[in-house]
Amino acid sequence: MSSIEQAVVIGASGGIGAALATLLADRGARVHGLSRRGIVPDARLQSGTIDIEDEASIAAAAAGIGTAAPVDLVLVATGILHAEGVTPEKSVRQLSAASFERYFAVNATGPALVAKHFLPLLPRDRRAVFAVLSARVGSIGDNRLGGWHGYRASKAALNMIVRTLSVELARTRPDQICVALHPGTVATPLSAPFQSGVAAERLFAPETSAAHLLDVVGRLTPADSGRIIAWDGLEITP
């Protein structure tokens, strides 16, 4: 990961985000760790606040980093699966406009606005990566179980946003790469209520998932832009 001199991790106080930020710092990168509360787990990180449900906050965070030293990697490690008033639906009878609005605000609209304000921080003259954490359940072609309507739909929307961004970048900044990454099932509060049916070897510690994801990022080329790629390097069907 020596090519990553400066990185931004959004959601750096969460399980996967914190592990990604720490591992990047271990590998010698200067890391800006952004989170809603501005709390980061490692004193080596340049901490800052960001609220991805507030575009003014996103714009201010990007401006705070500035363009003096271009950013080689932006990782958006935010997301919502369950929260107060929001839980994955098991039946169409459980659908609500309020939960859909929250899923889309955090999982799709927020990352799209991050792209709007943070892509200009990437260098135009060399390889750089903009990556968002998505999920295998956002795959339309791979959906055989149903349920989780709002979460699935918001992650499918995120995957489409990534694909659309990649088309634009290919025309304007061909060395830049925009991808969605599936981290696997990770032992964090996000997945805690749903871990009981996951085989032990498929439930990753955040540090394990982060190492897999950064290995994937290190191998990306512009030909990968727009894809949904799992922790093992395999592409996921949109």
C-alpha atoms as a PDB file:
ATOM      1  CA  MET A   1       0.000   0.000   0.000  1.00  0.00           C
ATOM      2  CA  SER A   2       3.016   2.284  -0.395  1.00  0.00           C
ATOM      3  CA  SER A   3       1.264   4.190  -3.196  1.00  0.00           C
ATOM      4  CA  ILE A   4      -1.312   5.485  -0.703  1.00  0.00           C
ATOM      5  CA  GLU A   5       0.295   8.590   0.751  1.00  0.00           C
ATOM      6  CA  GLN A   6      -2.852  10.357   1.892  1.00  0.00           C
ATOM      7  CA  ALA A   7      -6.210   8.716   2.586  1.00  0.00           C
ATOM      8  CA  VAL A   8      -9.621   9.725   3.889  1.00  0.00           C
ATOM      9  CA  VAL A   9     -11.757   7.258   5.827  1.00  0.00           C
ATOM     10  CA  ILE A  10     -15.329   8.383   6.397  1.00  0.00           C
ATOM     11  CA  GLY A  11     -16.945   6.490   9.238  1.00  0.00           C
ATOM     12  CA  ALA A  12     -13.610   6.101  11.021  1.00  0.00           C
ATOM     13  CA  SER A  13     -15.228   5.562  14.421  1.00  0.00           C
ATOM     14  CA  GLY A  14     -17.115   2.453  13.281  1.00  0.00           C
ATOM     15  CA  GLY A  15     -15.826  -1.106  13.414  1.00  0.00           C
ATOM     16  CA  ILE A  16     -14.655  -1.508   9.824  1.00  0.00           C
ATOM     17  CA  GLY A  17     -13.839   2.170   9.337  1.00  0.00           C
ATOM     18  CA  ALA A  18     -11.624   2.249  12.414  1.00  0.00           C
ATOM     19  CA  ALA A  19      -9.801  -0.900  11.314  1.00  0.00           C
ATOM     20  CA  LEU A  20      -9.270   0.510   7.810  1.00  0.00           C
ATOM     21  CA  ALA A  21      -7.961   3.822   9.131  1.00  0.00           C
ATOM     22  CA  THR A  22      -5.586   2.147  11.585  1.00  0.00           C
ATOM     23  CA  LEU A  23      -4.237  -0.286   8.999  1.00  0.00           C
ATOM     24  CA  LEU A  24      -3.647   2.524   6.500  1.00  0.00           C
ATOM     25  CA  ALA A  25      -1.712   4.426   9.157  1.00  0.00           C
ATOM     26  CA  ASP A  26       0.273   1.260   9.939  1.00  0.00           C
ATOM     27  CA  ARG A  27       1.232   1.142   6.259  1.00  0.00           C
ATOM     28  CA  GLY A  28       2.570   4.677   6.309  1.00  0.00           C
ATOM     29  CA  ALA A  29      -0.336   6.714   4.947  1.00  0.00           C
ATOM     30  CA  ARG A  30      -1.405  10.045   6.335  1.00  0.00           C
ATOM     31  CA  VAL A  31      -5.010   9.335   7.256  1.00  0.00           C
ATOM     32  CA  HIS A  32      -7.898  11.718   7.774  1.00  0.00           C
ATOM     33  CA  GLY A  33     -10.399   9.883   9.983  1.00  0.00           C
ATOM     34  CA  LEU A  34     -13.835  11.485   9.746  1.00  0.00           C
ATOM     35  CA  SER A  35     -16.876  10.568  11.792  1.00  0.00           C
ATOM     36  CA  ARG A  36     -20.094  12.096  13.043  1.00  0.00           C
ATOM     37  CA  ARG A  37     -18.643  12.757  16.506  1.00  0.00           C
ATOM     38  CA  GLY A  38     -15.084  13.418  15.377  1.00  0.00           C
ATOM     39  CA  ILE A  39     -13.823  10.571  17.538  1.00  0.00           C
ATOM     40  CA  VAL A  40     -11.152   8.294  16.079  1.00  0.00           C
ATOM     41  CA  PRO A  41      -9.386   5.308  17.687  1.00  0.00           C
ATOM     42  CA  ASP A  42      -5.800   6.196  16.784  1.00  0.00           C
ATOM     43  CA  ALA A  43      -3.845   9.308  17.751  1.00  0.00           C
ATOM     44  CA  ARG A  44      -1.950   9.110  14.458  1.00  0.00           C
ATOM     45  CA  LEU A  45      -5.095  10.001  12.511  1.00  0.00           C
ATOM     46  CA  GLN A  46      -6.065  13.526  11.512  1.00  0.00           C
ATOM     47  CA  SER A  47      -9.536  13.577  13.036  1.00  0.00           C
ATOM     48  CA  GLY A  48     -12.520  15.558  11.817  1.00  0.00           C
ATOM     49  CA  THR A  49     -16.298  15.602  11.883  1.00  0.00           C
ATOM     50  CA  ILE A  50     -18.713  14.734   9.117  1.00  0.00           C
ATOM     51  CA  ASP A  51     -22.431  14.008   8.966  1.00  0.00           C
ATOM     52  CA  ILE A  52     -23.284  12.280   5.713  1.00  0.00           C
ATOM     53  CA  GLU A  53     -26.940  13.216   6.154  1.00  0.00           C
ATOM     54  CA  ASP A  54     -25.974  16.910   5.976  1.00  0.00           C
ATOM     55  CA  GLU A  55     -24.433  18.175   2.728  1.00  0.00           C
ATOM     56  CA  ALA A  56     -23.067  21.312   4.393  1.00  0.00           C
ATOM     57  CA  SER A  57     -21.142  19.092   6.813  1.00  0.00           C
ATOM     58  CA  ILE A  58     -19.769  17.022   3.931  1.00  0.00           C
ATOM     59  CA  ALA A  59     -18.671  20.128   2.041  1.00  0.00           C
ATOM     60  CA  ALA A  60     -17.005  21.569   5.140  1.00  0.00           C
ATOM     61  CA  ALA A  61     -15.125  18.315   5.793  1.00  0.00           C
ATOM     62  CA  ALA A  62     -13.805  18.263   2.221  1.00  0.00           C
ATOM     63  CA  ALA A  63     -12.790  21.904   2.425  1.00  0.00           C
ATOM     64  CA  GLY A  64     -10.991  21.211   5.685  1.00  0.00           C
ATOM     65  CA  ILE A  65      -8.759  18.676   3.992  1.00  0.00           C
ATOM     66  CA  GLY A  66      -8.135  20.958   1.034  1.00  0.00           C
ATOM     67  CA  THR A  67      -6.298  20.273  -2.202  1.00  0.00           C
ATOM     68  CA  ALA A  68      -2.698  21.116  -1.307  1.00  0.00           C
ATOM     69  CA  ALA A  69      -1.838  17.425  -1.065  1.00  0.00           C
ATOM     70  CA  PRO A  70      -4.096  15.326  -3.308  1.00  0.00           C
ATOM     71  CA  VAL A  71      -5.847  12.384  -1.706  1.00  0.00           C
ATOM     72  CA  ASP A  72      -4.973   8.957  -3.115  1.00  0.00           C
ATOM     73  CA  LEU A  73      -7.817   7.052  -1.486  1.00  0.00           C
ATOM     74  CA  VAL A  74     -11.279   7.936  -0.172  1.00  0.00           C
ATOM     75  CA  LEU A  75     -13.068   5.129   1.666  1.00  0.00           C
ATOM     76  CA  VAL A  76     -16.703   5.592   2.678  1.00  0.00           C
ATOM     77  CA  ALA A  77     -17.286   3.114   5.502  1.00  0.00           C
ATOM     78  CA  THR A  78     -20.659   4.335   6.693  1.00  0.00           C
ATOM     79  CA  GLY A  79     -23.981   2.510   6.584  1.00  0.00           C
ATOM     80  CA  ILE A  80     -27.129   1.624   8.458  1.00  0.00           C
ATOM     81  CA  LEU A  81     -28.864  -1.740   8.780  1.00  0.00           C
ATOM     82  CA  HIS A  82     -30.766  -1.351  12.032  1.00  0.00           C
ATOM     83  CA  ALA A  83     -31.303   1.586  14.384  1.00  0.00           C
ATOM     84  CA  GLU A  84     -34.045   3.133  16.443  1.00  0.00           C
ATOM     85  CA  GLY A  85     -37.160   2.889  14.300  1.00  0.00           C
ATOM     86  CA  VAL A  86     -35.301   1.073  11.501  1.00  0.00           C
ATOM     87  CA  THR A  87     -35.002  -2.687  11.187  1.00  0.00           C
ATOM     88  CA  PRO A  88     -34.693  -5.054   8.204  1.00  0.00           C
ATOM     89  CA  GLU A  89     -38.150  -6.056   7.015  1.00  0.00           C
ATOM     90  CA  LYS A  90     -39.146  -9.724   6.911  1.00  0.00           C
ATOM     91  CA  SER A  91     -42.425  -9.058   5.110  1.00  0.00           C
ATOM     92  CA  VAL A  92     -43.978  -6.460   2.830  1.00  0.00           C
ATOM     93  CA  ARG A  93     -46.354  -5.709   5.721  1.00  0.00           C
ATOM     94  CA  GLN A  94     -43.449  -4.129   7.605  1.00  0.00           C
ATOM     95  CA  LEU A  95     -42.554  -1.560   4.930  1.00  0.00           C
ATOM     96  CA  SER A  96     -42.642   2.093   5.941  1.00  0.00           C
ATOM     97  CA  ALA A  97     -41.789   5.324   4.195  1.00  0.00           C
ATOM     98  CA  ALA A  98     -39.796   6.521   7.198  1.00  0.00           C
ATOM     99  CA  SER A  99     -37.472   3.513   7.241  1.00  0.00           C
ATOM    100  CA  PHE A 100     -36.954   3.707   3.459  1.00  0.00           C
ATOM    101  CA  GLU A 101     -36.072   7.384   3.729  1.00  0.00           C
ATOM    102  CA  ARG A 102     -33.485   6.673   6.431  1.00  0.00           C
ATOM    103  CA  TYR A 103     -31.955   3.727   4.572  1.00  0.00           C
ATOM    104  CA  PHE A 104     -31.557   5.764   1.409  1.00  0.00           C
ATOM    105  CA  ALA A 105     -30.318   8.878   3.209  1.00  0.00           C
ATOM    106  CA  VAL A 106     -27.465   7.003   4.893  1.00  0.00           C
ATOM    107  CA  ASN A 107     -26.682   4.203   2.435  1.00  0.00           C
ATOM    108  CA  ALA A 108     -27.127   5.926  -0.920  1.00  0.00           C
ATOM    109  CA  THR A 109     -27.636   9.694  -0.837  1.00  0.00           C
ATOM    110  CA  GLY A 110     -24.887  10.286   1.728  1.00  0.00           C
ATOM    111  CA  PRO A 111     -22.137   8.473  -0.206  1.00  0.00           C
ATOM    112  CA  ALA A 112     -23.268  10.176  -3.428  1.00  0.00           C
ATOM    113  CA  LEU A 113     -22.836  13.586  -1.809  1.00  0.00           C
ATOM    114  CA  VAL A 114     -19.470  12.515  -0.423  1.00  0.00           C
ATOM    115  CA  ALA A 115     -18.443  11.744  -4.007  1.00  0.00           C
ATOM    116  CA  LYS A 116     -19.648  15.183  -5.109  1.00  0.00           C
ATOM    117  CA  HIS A 117     -17.383  16.965  -2.633  1.00  0.00           C
ATOM    118  CA  PHE A 118     -14.447  14.565  -2.262  1.00  0.00           C
ATOM    119  CA  LEU A 119     -13.758  13.460  -5.839  1.00  0.00           C
ATOM    120  CA  PRO A 120     -12.235  16.901  -6.592  1.00  0.00           C
ATOM    121  CA  LEU A 121      -9.583  16.134  -3.938  1.00  0.00           C
ATOM    122  CA  LEU A 122      -8.256  13.208  -5.982  1.00  0.00           C
ATOM    123  CA  PRO A 123      -5.312  13.862  -8.334  1.00  0.00           C
ATOM    124  CA  ARG A 124      -6.030  14.109 -12.047  1.00  0.00           C
ATOM    125  CA  ASP A 125      -2.643  12.873 -13.212  1.00  0.00           C
ATOM    126  CA  ARG A 126      -2.283   9.509 -11.463  1.00  0.00           C
ATOM    127  CA  ARG A 127      -4.162   6.539 -10.048  1.00  0.00           C
ATOM    128  CA  ALA A 128      -6.568   7.259  -7.192  1.00  0.00           C
ATOM    129  CA  VAL A 129      -9.461   5.320  -5.682  1.00  0.00           C
ATOM    130  CA  PHE A 130     -12.898   6.274  -4.406  1.00  0.00           C
ATOM    131  CA  ALA A 131     -14.469   3.267  -2.673  1.00  0.00           C
ATOM    132  CA  VAL A 132     -17.708   2.751  -0.748  1.00  0.00           C
ATOM    133  CA  LEU A 133     -18.711  -0.171   1.420  1.00  0.00           C
ATOM    134  CA  SER A 134     -21.694  -1.912  -0.106  1.00  0.00           C
ATOM    135  CA  ALA A 135     -23.168  -5.369   0.531  1.00  0.00           C
ATOM    136  CA  ARG A 136     -23.780  -8.574  -1.349  1.00  0.00           C
ATOM    137  CA  VAL A 137     -27.488  -8.316  -0.491  1.00  0.00           C
ATOM    138  CA  GLY A 138     -27.599  -5.202  -2.695  1.00  0.00           C
ATOM    139  CA  SER A 139     -27.175  -7.447  -5.739  1.00  0.00           C
ATOM    140  CA  ILE A 140     -30.422  -7.719  -7.706  1.00  0.00           C
ATOM    141  CA  GLY A 141     -29.226 -10.803  -9.566  1.00  0.00           C
ATOM    142  CA  ASP A 142     -28.156 -12.573  -6.366  1.00  0.00           C
ATOM    143  CA  ASN A 143     -31.378 -11.959  -4.423  1.00  0.00           C
ATOM    144  CA  ARG A 144     -32.942 -15.345  -3.775  1.00  0.00           C
ATOM    145  CA  LEU A 145     -34.081 -14.939  -0.169  1.00  0.00           C
ATOM    146  CA  GLY A 146     -36.136 -11.744  -0.339  1.00  0.00           C
ATOM    147  CA  GLY A 147     -36.793  -9.572   2.688  1.00  0.00           C
ATOM    148  CA  TRP A 148     -34.713  -6.641   3.914  1.00  0.00           C
ATOM    149  CA  HIS A 149     -36.452  -4.503   1.300  1.00  0.00           C
ATOM    150  CA  GLY A 150     -35.175  -1.066   2.320  1.00  0.00           C
ATOM    151  CA  TYR A 151     -31.586  -2.122   3.018  1.00  0.00           C
ATOM    152  CA  ARG A 152     -31.338  -4.137  -0.196  1.00  0.00           C
ATOM    153  CA  ALA A 153     -32.837  -1.330  -2.249  1.00  0.00           C
ATOM    154  CA  SER A 154     -30.563   1.330  -0.756  1.00  0.00           C
ATOM    155  CA  LYS A 155     -27.440  -0.765  -1.382  1.00  0.00           C
ATOM    156  CA  ALA A 156     -28.606  -1.514  -4.938  1.00  0.00           C
ATOM    157  CA  ALA A 157     -29.004   2.243  -5.410  1.00  0.00           C
ATOM    158  CA  LEU A 158     -25.499   2.771  -4.040  1.00  0.00           C
ATOM    159  CA  ASN A 159     -24.134   0.242  -6.529  1.00  0.00           C
ATOM    160  CA  MET A 160     -25.825   2.119  -9.361  1.00  0.00           C
ATOM    161  CA  ILE A 161     -24.391   5.409  -8.121  1.00  0.00           C
ATOM    162  CA  VAL A 162     -20.902   3.866  -8.195  1.00  0.00           C
ATOM    163  CA  ARG A 163     -21.446   2.595 -11.715  1.00  0.00           C
ATOM    164  CA  THR A 164     -22.704   5.968 -12.920  1.00  0.00           C
ATOM    165  CA  LEU A 165     -19.805   7.818 -11.295  1.00  0.00           C
ATOM    166  CA  SER A 166     -17.361   5.439 -12.972  1.00  0.00           C
ATOM    167  CA  VAL A 167     -18.764   6.260 -16.415  1.00  0.00           C
ATOM    168  CA  GLU A 168     -18.282   9.974 -15.801  1.00  0.00           C
ATOM    169  CA  LEU A 169     -14.786   9.496 -14.375  1.00  0.00           C
ATOM    170  CA  ALA A 170     -13.735   7.397 -17.372  1.00  0.00           C
ATOM    171  CA  ARG A 171     -14.384  10.447 -19.560  1.00  0.00           C
ATOM    172  CA  THR A 172     -12.927  13.127 -17.314  1.00  0.00           C
ATOM    173  CA  ARG A 173     -10.343  11.407 -15.058  1.00  0.00           C
ATOM    174  CA  PRO A 174      -9.446   8.055 -16.613  1.00  0.00           C
ATOM    175  CA  ASP A 175      -6.833   7.161 -13.972  1.00  0.00           C
ATOM    176  CA  GLN A 176      -9.366   7.347 -11.160  1.00  0.00           C
ATOM    177  CA  ILE A 177     -11.184   4.247  -9.932  1.00  0.00           C
ATOM    178  CA  CYS A 178     -14.633   4.164  -8.335  1.00  0.00           C
ATOM    179  CA  VAL A 179     -15.791   0.885  -6.797  1.00  0.00           C
ATOM    180  CA  ALA A 180     -18.185  -0.635  -4.286  1.00  0.00           C
ATOM    181  CA  LEU A 181     -16.614  -3.105  -1.853  1.00  0.00           C
ATOM    182  CA  HIS A 182     -18.316  -5.921   0.043  1.00  0.00           C
ATOM    183  CA  PRO A 183     -16.464  -6.472   3.341  1.00  0.00           C
ATOM    184  CA  GLY A 184     -18.040  -9.826   4.161  1.00  0.00           C
ATOM    185  CA  THR A 185     -19.931 -10.388   7.395  1.00  0.00           C
ATOM    186  CA  VAL A 186     -17.955  -8.542  10.042  1.00  0.00           C
ATOM    187  CA  ALA A 187     -18.277  -8.778  13.819  1.00  0.00           C
ATOM    188  CA  THR A 188     -19.489  -5.228  14.413  1.00  0.00           C
ATOM    189  CA  PRO A 189     -22.621  -3.739  16.010  1.00  0.00           C
ATOM    190  CA  LEU A 190     -24.135  -3.357  12.520  1.00  0.00           C
ATOM    191  CA  SER A 191     -24.305  -7.120  12.016  1.00  0.00           C
ATOM    192  CA  ALA A 192     -24.594  -8.172  15.682  1.00  0.00           C
ATOM    193  CA  PRO A 193     -28.289  -9.204  15.599  1.00  0.00           C
ATOM    194  CA  PHE A 194     -27.729 -11.322  12.484  1.00  0.00           C
ATOM    195  CA  GLN A 195     -24.518 -13.239  13.242  1.00  0.00           C
ATOM    196  CA  SER A 196     -25.990 -16.402  14.750  1.00  0.00           C
ATOM    197  CA  GLY A 197     -26.376 -18.178  11.401  1.00  0.00           C
ATOM    198  CA  VAL A 198     -22.943 -17.216  10.077  1.00  0.00           C
ATOM    199  CA  ALA A 199     -20.244 -19.894  10.079  1.00  0.00           C
ATOM    200  CA  ALA A 200     -17.299 -18.975  12.296  1.00  0.00           C
ATOM    201  CA  GLU A 201     -14.871 -18.938   9.387  1.00  0.00           C
ATOM    202  CA  ARG A 202     -17.124 -16.476   7.546  1.00  0.00           C
ATOM    203  CA  LEU A 203     -17.488 -14.022  10.426  1.00  0.00           C
ATOM    204  CA  PHE A 204     -14.508 -11.697  10.159  1.00  0.00           C
ATOM    205  CA  ALA A 205     -12.908  -9.534  12.787  1.00  0.00           C
ATOM    206  CA  PRO A 206     -12.843  -5.906  11.582  1.00  0.00           C
ATOM    207  CA  GLU A 207      -9.058  -6.075  11.237  1.00  0.00           C
ATOM    208  CA  THR A 208      -9.307  -9.166   9.017  1.00  0.00           C
ATOM    209  CA  SER A 209     -11.909  -7.574   6.775  1.00  0.00           C
ATOM    210  CA  ALA A 210      -9.874  -4.362   6.556  1.00  0.00           C
ATOM    211  CA  ALA A 211      -6.768  -6.274   5.484  1.00  0.00           C
ATOM    212  CA  HIS A 212      -8.738  -8.086   2.772  1.00  0.00           C
ATOM    213  CA  LEU A 213     -10.293  -4.845   1.518  1.00  0.00           C
ATOM    214  CA  LEU A 214      -6.999  -2.953   1.340  1.00  0.00           C
ATOM    215  CA  ASP A 215      -5.445  -5.863  -0.539  1.00  0.00           C
ATOM    216  CA  VAL A 216      -8.306  -5.574  -3.056  1.00  0.00           C
ATOM    217  CA  VAL A 217      -7.822  -1.796  -3.294  1.00  0.00           C
ATOM    218  CA  GLY A 218      -4.125  -2.277  -3.932  1.00  0.00           C
ATOM    219  CA  ARG A 219      -4.845  -4.470  -6.971  1.00  0.00           C
ATOM    220  CA  LEU A 220      -7.500  -2.269  -8.577  1.00  0.00           C
ATOM    221  CA  THR A 221      -7.011  -0.889 -12.075  1.00  0.00           C
ATOM    222  CA  PRO A 222      -9.179   1.536 -14.068  1.00  0.00           C
ATOM    223  CA  ALA A 223     -10.739  -1.514 -15.734  1.00  0.00           C
ATOM    224  CA  ASP A 224     -12.319  -2.352 -12.363  1.00  0.00           C
ATOM    225  CA  SER A 225     -14.043   1.010 -12.042  1.00  0.00           C
ATOM    226  CA  GLY A 226     -17.804   0.716 -11.570  1.00  0.00           C
ATOM    227  CA  ARG A 227     -17.684  -2.831 -10.240  1.00  0.00           C
ATOM    228  CA  ILE A 228     -18.910  -4.360  -6.979  1.00  0.00           C
ATOM    229  CA  ILE A 229     -16.016  -6.379  -5.587  1.00  0.00           C
ATOM    230  CA  ALA A 230     -16.058  -8.667  -2.560  1.00  0.00           C
ATOM    231  CA  TRP A 231     -13.375  -8.996   0.091  1.00  0.00           C
ATOM    232  CA  ASP A 232     -11.898 -11.972  -1.769  1.00  0.00           C
ATOM    233  CA  GLY A 233     -11.422  -9.999  -4.990  1.00  0.00           C
ATOM    234  CA  LEU A 234     -14.342 -11.599  -6.814  1.00  0.00           C
ATOM    235  CA  GLU A 235     -16.867  -9.447  -8.639  1.00  0.00           C
ATOM    236  CA  ILE A 236     -20.473  -9.486  -7.430  1.00  0.00           C
ATOM    237  CA  THR A 237     -23.331  -9.484  -9.930  1.00  0.00           C
ATOM    238  CA  PRO A 238     -25.133  -6.100  -9.906  1.00  0.00           C
END
